[in-house]
Protein backbone atom coordinates (compact mmCIF):
# COMPACT_ATOMS: atom_id res chain seq x y z
CA UNK A 1 108.68 96.08 -28.14
CA UNK A 2 112.36 94.77 -28.29
CA UNK A 3 113.16 92.16 -30.96
CA UNK A 4 116.13 90.12 -30.53
CA UNK A 5 117.48 88.64 -33.98
CA UNK A 6 119.55 85.25 -33.55
CA UNK A 7 121.28 84.25 -36.75
CA UNK A 8 121.68 80.36 -36.16
CA UNK A 9 125.00 79.18 -37.76
CA UNK A 10 125.92 76.52 -35.49
CA UNK A 11 123.39 75.04 -33.28
CA UNK A 12 119.95 74.31 -34.35
CA UNK A 13 116.71 76.41 -33.25
CA UNK A 14 115.95 74.01 -30.30
CA UNK A 15 118.93 74.03 -28.91
CA UNK A 16 118.85 78.25 -28.73
CA UNK A 17 115.08 78.03 -27.55
CA UNK A 18 116.37 75.74 -24.60
CA UNK A 19 118.56 78.77 -23.45
CA UNK A 20 116.10 81.14 -24.07
CA UNK A 21 113.29 79.69 -22.49
CA UNK A 22 115.55 78.78 -19.45
CA UNK A 23 116.19 82.17 -18.54
CA UNK A 24 112.93 83.64 -19.56
CA UNK A 25 111.26 81.23 -16.50
CA UNK A 26 114.14 82.15 -14.37
CA UNK A 27 112.56 86.02 -14.68
CA UNK A 28 109.26 84.48 -14.23
CA UNK A 29 108.18 85.22 -16.98
CA UNK A 30 106.19 83.28 -20.09
CA UNK A 31 107.18 82.19 -23.50
CA UNK A 32 105.27 81.33 -26.42
CA UNK A 33 107.28 78.95 -28.95
CA UNK A 34 105.56 79.14 -32.70
CA UNK A 35 106.43 77.39 -35.72
CA UNK A 36 104.60 76.14 -38.82
CA UNK A 37 107.03 73.55 -39.08
CA UNK A 38 105.40 70.27 -36.80
CA UNK A 39 108.36 68.88 -36.77
CA UNK A 40 110.54 71.57 -35.38
CA UNK A 41 107.77 72.16 -32.32
CA UNK A 42 108.05 68.06 -31.53
CA UNK A 43 112.19 68.63 -31.85
CA UNK A 44 111.59 71.74 -29.40
CA UNK A 45 109.51 69.81 -27.27
CA UNK A 46 112.18 66.71 -27.09
CA UNK A 47 114.78 69.74 -26.29
CA UNK A 48 113.12 71.40 -23.61
CA UNK A 49 112.90 68.17 -21.75
CA UNK A 50 116.39 67.19 -22.41
CA UNK A 51 118.56 70.30 -22.45
CA UNK A 52 119.79 69.78 -19.05
CA UNK A 53 120.09 66.37 -17.37
CA UNK A 54 118.94 67.80 -13.70
CA UNK A 55 116.03 69.29 -14.75
CA UNK A 56 113.40 69.94 -17.73
CA UNK A 57 111.75 72.92 -18.87
CA UNK A 58 107.92 73.03 -18.19
CA UNK A 59 106.00 73.16 -21.18
CA UNK A 60 102.89 72.26 -23.47
CA UNK A 61 101.54 72.52 -27.03
CA UNK A 62 98.80 74.61 -27.65
CA UNK A 63 95.57 73.51 -27.83
CA UNK A 64 95.17 71.41 -24.91
CA UNK A 65 93.23 71.88 -21.47
CA UNK A 66 96.01 73.41 -19.81
CA UNK A 67 97.15 76.03 -22.02
CA UNK A 68 97.09 78.70 -19.80
CA UNK A 69 98.55 77.15 -17.07
CA UNK A 70 101.54 76.52 -19.17
CA UNK A 71 105.07 78.57 -18.70
CA UNK A 72 106.14 77.73 -22.01
CA UNK A 73 103.44 76.87 -24.90
CA UNK A 74 104.37 75.35 -28.57
CA UNK A 75 102.19 76.66 -31.68
CA UNK A 76 101.85 77.13 -34.65
CA UNK A 77 99.87 80.36 -34.36
CA UNK A 78 101.11 83.59 -32.36
CA UNK A 79 98.33 83.73 -29.94
CA UNK A 80 99.30 83.82 -26.14
CA UNK A 81 96.95 81.33 -24.57
CA UNK A 82 99.32 81.37 -21.85
CA UNK A 83 99.52 84.66 -21.29
CA UNK A 84 103.16 85.28 -22.62
CA UNK A 85 104.51 88.26 -23.12
CA UNK A 86 107.31 87.03 -24.75
CA UNK A 87 107.07 85.22 -28.43
CA UNK A 88 109.98 83.12 -30.37
CA UNK A 89 109.55 82.74 -33.48
CA UNK A 90 111.22 79.73 -33.82
CA UNK A 91 110.97 78.80 -37.81
CA UNK A 92 112.47 82.22 -38.86
CA UNK A 93 109.09 83.65 -40.08
CA UNK A 94 107.86 87.17 -38.86
CA UNK A 95 104.06 87.47 -38.51
CA UNK A 96 102.54 90.90 -37.49
CA UNK A 97 100.82 89.23 -34.41
CA UNK A 98 104.54 89.10 -33.30
CA UNK A 99 103.99 93.05 -32.60
CA UNK A 100 101.84 92.33 -29.93
CA UNK A 101 104.27 91.16 -27.66
CA UNK A 102 106.68 92.76 -25.15
CA UNK A 103 109.97 90.86 -26.78
CA UNK A 104 110.40 88.72 -29.87
CA UNK A 105 112.92 86.16 -30.67
CA UNK A 106 113.27 85.76 -34.56
CA UNK A 107 115.45 82.65 -35.09
CA UNK A 108 116.75 82.08 -38.31
CA UNK A 109 119.70 80.24 -40.48
CA UNK A 110 121.40 81.17 -43.32
CA UNK A 111 119.11 80.02 -45.50
CA UNK A 112 116.72 82.86 -44.14
CA UNK A 113 118.89 85.86 -43.63
CA UNK A 114 117.73 88.10 -46.80
CA UNK A 115 114.28 87.62 -45.06
CA UNK A 116 115.36 88.53 -41.78
CA UNK A 117 117.24 91.24 -42.94
CA UNK A 118 113.99 92.19 -44.64
CA UNK A 119 112.40 92.62 -41.06
CA UNK A 120 115.22 94.66 -39.60
CA UNK A 121 114.64 97.01 -42.34
CA UNK A 122 110.75 96.97 -41.98
CA UNK A 123 111.60 97.93 -38.11
CA UNK A 124 113.89 100.45 -38.77
CA UNK A 125 113.28 104.17 -37.54
CA UNK A 126 110.25 103.21 -35.05
CA UNK A 127 110.36 104.92 -31.96
CA UNK A 128 108.29 101.72 -29.93
CA UNK A 129 111.00 98.96 -31.40
CA UNK A 130 114.37 98.17 -29.94
CA UNK A 131 116.04 95.82 -32.34
CA UNK A 132 119.33 93.66 -31.47
CA UNK A 133 121.34 91.09 -33.38
CA UNK A 134 122.86 87.90 -32.26
CA UNK A 135 125.36 85.78 -33.91
CA UNK A 136 126.70 82.29 -32.33
CA UNK A 137 130.72 82.78 -32.51
CA UNK A 138 132.91 80.03 -30.69
CA UNK A 139 130.18 78.37 -28.62
CA UNK A 140 128.65 81.26 -27.16
CA UNK A 141 126.23 84.08 -28.46
CA UNK A 142 127.70 87.73 -29.43
CA UNK A 143 125.68 91.04 -29.84
CA UNK A 144 126.58 92.77 -33.05
CA UNK A 145 125.83 96.28 -33.86
């Protein structure tokens, strides 16, 4: 499993998620976006529609009749009803169920940094986990050691 920690400092999670989703869809994969915050999921929904003027990122909310067909599924629980191998934890909360995915994106802001550090430490030393840390710097994402 690969876990990418995204420390948000300038842009909100929905902006980062639009960029992540675009890359995942280009690669022919599917994404599950998880947040316990309904208002945040609504903002993600809006951003996926408006991220670029020339296109939108196909997606839907979990619980509909076509969950399995959604390339990006927005949900409050980490259940990949769209057969996603990738999950984005948009609200910054780690969930044990994330370990069932090939790749996890944990997005968090300054207020959640202690929780993210705790997750980082809990995954340390595991042979089945690769951790990466990304931080916003000068308008782009940079990987940190």
